[in-house]
Amino acid sequence: MIGNYCRQYRLINGYKLKDLTVKVKALSAFENGRSTNMEHLALYIKLSHKLDDTYYFMKGLTLEVLNNGE
């Protein structure tokens, strides 16, 4: 699940939902599989860029999609 991968990435890097957006409920729904709005993915890509970790974030995201068929 893409949302779960993003949630784990955020938590590993010590960020809270409110650090990424003011729309906490919508982002929480995305992370927990209750929303398929891929526009939320941009927040995590921006976070990975901020952390200078875009390559590894995108590699992990790609593996998540390939391994889980999403």
PDB file of N, CA and C in Angstrom:
ATOM      1  N   MET A   1       0.842  -1.173   0.000  1.00  0.00           N
ATOM      2  CA  MET A   1       0.000   0.000   0.000  1.00  0.00           C
ATOM      3  C   MET A   1       0.900   1.253   0.000  1.00  0.00           C
ATOM      4  N   ILE A   2       0.674   2.130  -0.925  1.00  0.00           N
ATOM      5  CA  ILE A   2       1.474   3.339  -1.080  1.00  0.00           C
ATOM      6  C   ILE A   2       1.347   4.245   0.139  1.00  0.00           C
ATOM      7  N   GLY A   3       0.140   4.407   0.629  1.00  0.00           N
ATOM      8  CA  GLY A   3      -0.078   5.272   1.793  1.00  0.00           C
ATOM      9  C   GLY A   3       0.677   4.786   3.015  1.00  0.00           C
ATOM     10  N   ASN A   4       0.686   3.484   3.230  1.00  0.00           N
ATOM     11  CA  ASN A   4       1.411   2.922   4.370  1.00  0.00           C
ATOM     12  C   ASN A   4       2.913   3.144   4.220  1.00  0.00           C
ATOM     13  N   TYR A   5       3.429   2.978   3.010  1.00  0.00           N
ATOM     14  CA  TYR A   5       4.846   3.238   2.758  1.00  0.00           C
ATOM     15  C   TYR A   5       5.175   4.690   3.103  1.00  0.00           C
ATOM     16  N   CYS A   6       4.321   5.597   2.676  1.00  0.00           N
ATOM     17  CA  CYS A   6       4.543   7.014   2.961  1.00  0.00           C
ATOM     18  C   CYS A   6       4.490   7.285   4.467  1.00  0.00           C
ATOM     19  N   ARG A   7       3.561   6.639   5.142  1.00  0.00           N
ATOM     20  CA  ARG A   7       3.447   6.802   6.594  1.00  0.00           C
ATOM     21  C   ARG A   7       4.727   6.339   7.284  1.00  0.00           C
ATOM     22  N   GLN A   8       5.211   5.173   6.898  1.00  0.00           N
ATOM     23  CA  GLN A   8       6.437   4.651   7.503  1.00  0.00           C
ATOM     24  C   GLN A   8       7.620   5.583   7.231  1.00  0.00           C
ATOM     25  N   TYR A   9       7.703   6.116   6.024  1.00  0.00           N
ATOM     26  CA  TYR A   9       8.781   7.043   5.675  1.00  0.00           C
ATOM     27  C   TYR A   9       8.714   8.288   6.556  1.00  0.00           C
ATOM     28  N   ARG A  10       7.514   8.817   6.733  1.00  0.00           N
ATOM     29  CA  ARG A  10       7.328  10.013   7.568  1.00  0.00           C
ATOM     30  C   ARG A  10       7.738   9.732   9.002  1.00  0.00           C
ATOM     31  N   LEU A  11       7.292   8.608   9.549  1.00  0.00           N
ATOM     32  CA  LEU A  11       7.590   8.278  10.933  1.00  0.00           C
ATOM     33  C   LEU A  11       9.078   8.012  11.158  1.00  0.00           C
ATOM     34  N   ILE A  12       9.706   7.288  10.257  1.00  0.00           N
ATOM     35  CA  ILE A  12      11.138   7.006  10.365  1.00  0.00           C
ATOM     36  C   ILE A  12      11.948   8.293  10.412  1.00  0.00           C
ATOM     37  N   ASN A  13      11.473   9.301   9.715  1.00  0.00           N
ATOM     38  CA  ASN A  13      12.185  10.577   9.667  1.00  0.00           C
ATOM     39  C   ASN A  13      11.723  11.568  10.727  1.00  0.00           C
ATOM     40  N   GLY A  14      10.837  11.122  11.619  1.00  0.00           N
ATOM     41  CA  GLY A  14      10.455  11.930  12.764  1.00  0.00           C
ATOM     42  C   GLY A  14       9.496  13.074  12.483  1.00  0.00           C
ATOM     43  N   TYR A  15       8.660  12.937  11.471  1.00  0.00           N
ATOM     44  CA  TYR A  15       7.701  13.986  11.135  1.00  0.00           C
ATOM     45  C   TYR A  15       6.293  13.583  11.563  1.00  0.00           C
ATOM     46  N   LYS A  16       5.516  14.568  11.973  1.00  0.00           N
ATOM     47  CA  LYS A  16       4.113  14.362  12.310  1.00  0.00           C
ATOM     48  C   LYS A  16       3.268  14.773  11.105  1.00  0.00           C
ATOM     49  N   LEU A  17       2.028  14.304  11.073  1.00  0.00           N
ATOM     50  CA  LEU A  17       1.125  14.689   9.977  1.00  0.00           C
ATOM     51  C   LEU A  17       1.029  16.199   9.852  1.00  0.00           C
ATOM     52  N   LYS A  18       0.909  16.869  10.977  1.00  0.00           N
ATOM     53  CA  LYS A  18       0.748  18.330  10.935  1.00  0.00           C
ATOM     54  C   LYS A  18       2.008  19.036  10.444  1.00  0.00           C
ATOM     55  N   ASP A  19       3.154  18.331  10.409  1.00  0.00           N
ATOM     56  CA  ASP A  19       4.368  18.918   9.838  1.00  0.00           C
ATOM     57  C   ASP A  19       4.295  18.986   8.317  1.00  0.00           C
ATOM     58  N   LEU A  20       3.428  18.147   7.732  1.00  0.00           N
ATOM     59  CA  LEU A  20       3.329  18.084   6.272  1.00  0.00           C
ATOM     60  C   LEU A  20       2.167  18.888   5.704  1.00  0.00           C
ATOM     61  N   THR A  21       1.104  19.033   6.480  1.00  0.00           N
ATOM     62  CA  THR A  21      -0.096  19.681   5.936  1.00  0.00           C
ATOM     63  C   THR A  21      -1.015  20.164   7.045  1.00  0.00           C
ATOM     64  N   VAL A  22      -1.919  21.058   6.695  1.00  0.00           N
ATOM     65  CA  VAL A  22      -2.968  21.463   7.633  1.00  0.00           C
ATOM     66  C   VAL A  22      -4.182  20.550   7.474  1.00  0.00           C
ATOM     67  N   LYS A  23      -4.208  19.786   6.382  1.00  0.00           N
ATOM     68  CA  LYS A  23      -5.308  18.855   6.115  1.00  0.00           C
ATOM     69  C   LYS A  23      -4.961  17.474   6.690  1.00  0.00           C
ATOM     70  N   VAL A  24      -4.826  17.431   8.008  1.00  0.00           N
ATOM     71  CA  VAL A  24      -4.377  16.226   8.688  1.00  0.00           C
ATOM     72  C   VAL A  24      -5.318  15.046   8.451  1.00  0.00           C
ATOM     73  N   LYS A  25      -6.621  15.275   8.495  1.00  0.00           N
ATOM     74  CA  LYS A  25      -7.585  14.173   8.307  1.00  0.00           C
ATOM     75  C   LYS A  25      -7.457  13.543   6.930  1.00  0.00           C
ATOM     76  N   ALA A  26      -7.301  14.364   5.915  1.00  0.00           N
ATOM     77  CA  ALA A  26      -7.190  13.850   4.548  1.00  0.00           C
ATOM     78  C   ALA A  26      -5.904  13.047   4.376  1.00  0.00           C
ATOM     79  N   LEU A  27      -4.817  13.543   4.937  1.00  0.00           N
ATOM     80  CA  LEU A  27      -3.544  12.845   4.818  1.00  0.00           C
ATOM     81  C   LEU A  27      -3.545  11.548   5.627  1.00  0.00           C
ATOM     82  N   SER A  28      -4.182  11.579   6.767  1.00  0.00           N
ATOM     83  CA  SER A  28      -4.321  10.368   7.576  1.00  0.00           C
ATOM     84  C   SER A  28      -5.111   9.300   6.820  1.00  0.00           C
ATOM     85  N   ALA A  29      -6.157   9.713   6.151  1.00  0.00           N
ATOM     86  CA  ALA A  29      -6.957   8.778   5.351  1.00  0.00           C
ATOM     87  C   ALA A  29      -6.099   8.158   4.244  1.00  0.00           C
ATOM     88  N   PHE A  30      -5.252   8.946   3.611  1.00  0.00           N
ATOM     89  CA  PHE A  30      -4.366   8.439   2.563  1.00  0.00           C
ATOM     90  C   PHE A  30      -3.399   7.406   3.137  1.00  0.00           C
ATOM     91  N   GLU A  31      -2.793   7.725   4.266  1.00  0.00           N
ATOM     92  CA  GLU A  31      -1.817   6.823   4.876  1.00  0.00           C
ATOM     93  C   GLU A  31      -2.448   5.507   5.335  1.00  0.00           C
ATOM     94  N   ASN A  32      -3.713   5.555   5.696  1.00  0.00           N
ATOM     95  CA  ASN A  32      -4.388   4.369   6.215  1.00  0.00           C
ATOM     96  C   ASN A  32      -5.250   3.650   5.187  1.00  0.00           C
ATOM     97  N   GLY A  33      -5.083   4.004   3.911  1.00  0.00           N
ATOM     98  CA  GLY A  33      -5.763   3.291   2.839  1.00  0.00           C
ATOM     99  C   GLY A  33      -7.218   3.647   2.634  1.00  0.00           C
ATOM    100  N   ARG A  34      -7.670   4.734   3.230  1.00  0.00           N
ATOM    101  CA  ARG A  34      -9.067   5.148   3.062  1.00  0.00           C
ATOM    102  C   ARG A  34      -9.220   6.233   2.000  1.00  0.00           C
ATOM    103  N   SER A  35      -8.113   6.633   1.392  1.00  0.00           N
ATOM    104  CA  SER A  35      -8.136   7.618   0.318  1.00  0.00           C
ATOM    105  C   SER A  35      -7.129   7.194  -0.733  1.00  0.00           C
ATOM    106  N   THR A  36      -7.519   7.330  -1.986  1.00  0.00           N
ATOM    107  CA  THR A  36      -6.607   7.004  -3.091  1.00  0.00           C
ATOM    108  C   THR A  36      -6.160   8.260  -3.827  1.00  0.00           C
ATOM    109  N   ASN A  37      -6.298   9.402  -3.181  1.00  0.00           N
ATOM    110  CA  ASN A  37      -5.919  10.668  -3.786  1.00  0.00           C
ATOM    111  C   ASN A  37      -4.393  10.755  -3.887  1.00  0.00           C
ATOM    112  N   MET A  38      -3.866  10.513  -5.073  1.00  0.00           N
ATOM    113  CA  MET A  38      -2.422  10.498  -5.281  1.00  0.00           C
ATOM    114  C   MET A  38      -1.789  11.886  -5.204  1.00  0.00           C
ATOM    115  N   GLU A  39      -2.598  12.924  -5.110  1.00  0.00           N
ATOM    116  CA  GLU A  39      -2.040  14.266  -4.937  1.00  0.00           C
ATOM    117  C   GLU A  39      -1.298  14.368  -3.604  1.00  0.00           C
ATOM    118  N   HIS A  40      -1.683  13.535  -2.634  1.00  0.00           N
ATOM    119  CA  HIS A  40      -0.998  13.529  -1.340  1.00  0.00           C
ATOM    120  C   HIS A  40       0.444  13.057  -1.469  1.00  0.00           C
ATOM    121  N   LEU A  41       0.706  12.240  -2.455  1.00  0.00           N
ATOM    122  CA  LEU A  41       2.050  11.718  -2.661  1.00  0.00           C
ATOM    123  C   LEU A  41       3.070  12.840  -2.841  1.00  0.00           C
ATOM    124  N   ALA A  42       2.647  13.944  -3.407  1.00  0.00           N
ATOM    125  CA  ALA A  42       3.547  15.090  -3.622  1.00  0.00           C
ATOM    126  C   ALA A  42       4.140  15.596  -2.312  1.00  0.00           C
ATOM    127  N   LEU A  43       3.390  15.529  -1.219  1.00  0.00           N
ATOM    128  CA  LEU A  43       3.899  15.980   0.079  1.00  0.00           C
ATOM    129  C   LEU A  43       5.091  15.132   0.524  1.00  0.00           C
ATOM    130  N   TYR A  44       5.026  13.845   0.265  1.00  0.00           N
ATOM    131  CA  TYR A  44       6.103  12.946   0.658  1.00  0.00           C
ATOM    132  C   TYR A  44       7.317  13.092  -0.248  1.00  0.00           C
ATOM    133  N   ILE A  45       7.064  13.350  -1.523  1.00  0.00           N
ATOM    134  CA  ILE A  45       8.174  13.602  -2.446  1.00  0.00           C
ATOM    135  C   ILE A  45       8.885  14.881  -2.047  1.00  0.00           C
ATOM    136  N   LYS A  46       8.128  15.909  -1.689  1.00  0.00           N
ATOM    137  CA  LYS A  46       8.734  17.163  -1.228  1.00  0.00           C
ATOM    138  C   LYS A  46       9.512  16.950   0.065  1.00  0.00           C
ATOM    139  N   LEU A  47       8.984  16.113   0.966  1.00  0.00           N
ATOM    140  CA  LEU A  47       9.696  15.808   2.202  1.00  0.00           C
ATOM    141  C   LEU A  47      11.008  15.103   1.886  1.00  0.00           C
ATOM    142  N   SER A  48      10.977  14.143   0.988  1.00  0.00           N
ATOM    143  CA  SER A  48      12.208  13.421   0.637  1.00  0.00           C
ATOM    144  C   SER A  48      13.222  14.367   0.003  1.00  0.00           C
ATOM    145  N   HIS A  49      12.753  15.325  -0.761  1.00  0.00           N
ATOM    146  CA  HIS A  49      13.647  16.319  -1.359  1.00  0.00           C
ATOM    147  C   HIS A  49      14.263  17.193  -0.259  1.00  0.00           C
ATOM    148  N   LYS A  50      13.441  17.601   0.690  1.00  0.00           N
ATOM    149  CA  LYS A  50      13.911  18.415   1.821  1.00  0.00           C
ATOM    150  C   LYS A  50      14.981  17.665   2.609  1.00  0.00           C
ATOM    151  N   LEU A  51      14.821  16.351   2.726  1.00  0.00           N
ATOM    152  CA  LEU A  51      15.763  15.519   3.475  1.00  0.00           C
ATOM    153  C   LEU A  51      16.936  15.045   2.610  1.00  0.00           C
ATOM    154  N   ASP A  52      16.969  15.485   1.358  1.00  0.00           N
ATOM    155  CA  ASP A  52      17.989  15.069   0.398  1.00  0.00           C
ATOM    156  C   ASP A  52      18.014  13.543   0.277  1.00  0.00           C
ATOM    157  N   ASP A  53      16.834  12.973   0.158  1.00  0.00           N
ATOM    158  CA  ASP A  53      16.663  11.527   0.169  1.00  0.00           C
ATOM    159  C   ASP A  53      15.718  11.060  -0.945  1.00  0.00           C
ATOM    160  N   THR A  54      15.562  11.862  -1.976  1.00  0.00           N
ATOM    161  CA  THR A  54      14.577  11.582  -3.020  1.00  0.00           C
ATOM    162  C   THR A  54      14.844  10.263  -3.733  1.00  0.00           C
ATOM    163  N   TYR A  55      16.101   9.988  -4.030  1.00  0.00           N
ATOM    164  CA  TYR A  55      16.434   8.743  -4.735  1.00  0.00           C
ATOM    165  C   TYR A  55      15.945   7.529  -3.943  1.00  0.00           C
ATOM    166  N   TYR A  56      16.259   7.477  -2.666  1.00  0.00           N
ATOM    167  CA  TYR A  56      15.892   6.316  -1.853  1.00  0.00           C
ATOM    168  C   TYR A  56      14.387   6.238  -1.594  1.00  0.00           C
ATOM    169  N   PHE A  57      13.745   7.407  -1.440  1.00  0.00           N
ATOM    170  CA  PHE A  57      12.293   7.407  -1.272  1.00  0.00           C
ATOM    171  C   PHE A  57      11.626   6.837  -2.521  1.00  0.00           C
ATOM    172  N   MET A  58      12.039   7.320  -3.688  1.00  0.00           N
ATOM    173  CA  MET A  58      11.425   6.874  -4.933  1.00  0.00           C
ATOM    174  C   MET A  58      11.747   5.402  -5.226  1.00  0.00           C
ATOM    175  N   LYS A  59      12.947   4.961  -4.896  1.00  0.00           N
ATOM    176  CA  LYS A  59      13.303   3.558  -5.070  1.00  0.00           C
ATOM    177  C   LYS A  59      12.410   2.681  -4.190  1.00  0.00           C
ATOM    178  N   GLY A  60      12.239   3.081  -2.928  1.00  0.00           N
ATOM    179  CA  GLY A  60      11.372   2.334  -2.016  1.00  0.00           C
ATOM    180  C   GLY A  60       9.925   2.337  -2.478  1.00  0.00           C
ATOM    181  N   LEU A  61       9.472   3.472  -2.979  1.00  0.00           N
ATOM    182  CA  LEU A  61       8.107   3.581  -3.487  1.00  0.00           C
ATOM    183  C   LEU A  61       7.900   2.644  -4.681  1.00  0.00           C
ATOM    184  N   THR A  62       8.862   2.621  -5.571  1.00  0.00           N
ATOM    185  CA  THR A  62       8.786   1.739  -6.737  1.00  0.00           C
ATOM    186  C   THR A  62       8.725   0.275  -6.307  1.00  0.00           C
ATOM    187  N   LEU A  63       9.564  -0.102  -5.366  1.00  0.00           N
ATOM    188  CA  LEU A  63       9.553  -1.486  -4.876  1.00  0.00           C
ATOM    189  C   LEU A  63       8.230  -1.817  -4.198  1.00  0.00           C
ATOM    190  N   GLU A  64       7.669  -0.871  -3.471  1.00  0.00           N
ATOM    191  CA  GLU A  64       6.380  -1.072  -2.819  1.00  0.00           C
ATOM    192  C   GLU A  64       5.293  -1.360  -3.855  1.00  0.00           C
ATOM    193  N   VAL A  65       5.276  -0.606  -4.915  1.00  0.00           N
ATOM    194  CA  VAL A  65       4.278  -0.804  -5.972  1.00  0.00           C
ATOM    195  C   VAL A  65       4.492  -2.154  -6.664  1.00  0.00           C
ATOM    196  N   LEU A  66       5.731  -2.466  -6.991  1.00  0.00           N
ATOM    197  CA  LEU A  66       6.014  -3.728  -7.676  1.00  0.00           C
ATOM    198  C   LEU A  66       5.691  -4.943  -6.804  1.00  0.00           C
ATOM    199  N   ASN A  67       5.977  -4.859  -5.530  1.00  0.00           N
ATOM    200  CA  ASN A  67       5.759  -6.002  -4.636  1.00  0.00           C
ATOM    201  C   ASN A  67       4.311  -6.171  -4.207  1.00  0.00           C
ATOM    202  N   ASN A  68       3.534  -5.108  -4.261  1.00  0.00           N
ATOM    203  CA  ASN A  68       2.154  -5.193  -3.793  1.00  0.00           C
ATOM    204  C   ASN A  68       1.119  -5.014  -4.891  1.00  0.00           C
ATOM    205  N   GLY A  69       1.555  -4.873  -6.109  1.00  0.00           N
ATOM    206  CA  GLY A  69       0.641  -4.835  -7.247  1.00  0.00           C
ATOM    207  C   GLY A  69      -0.268  -3.627  -7.332  1.00  0.00           C
ATOM    208  N   GLU A  70       0.107  -2.551  -6.664  1.00  0.00           N
ATOM    209  CA  GLU A  70      -0.724  -1.331  -6.738  1.00  0.00           C
ATOM    210  C   GLU A  70      -0.321  -0.495  -7.923  1.00  0.00           C
TER     211      GLU A  70
END
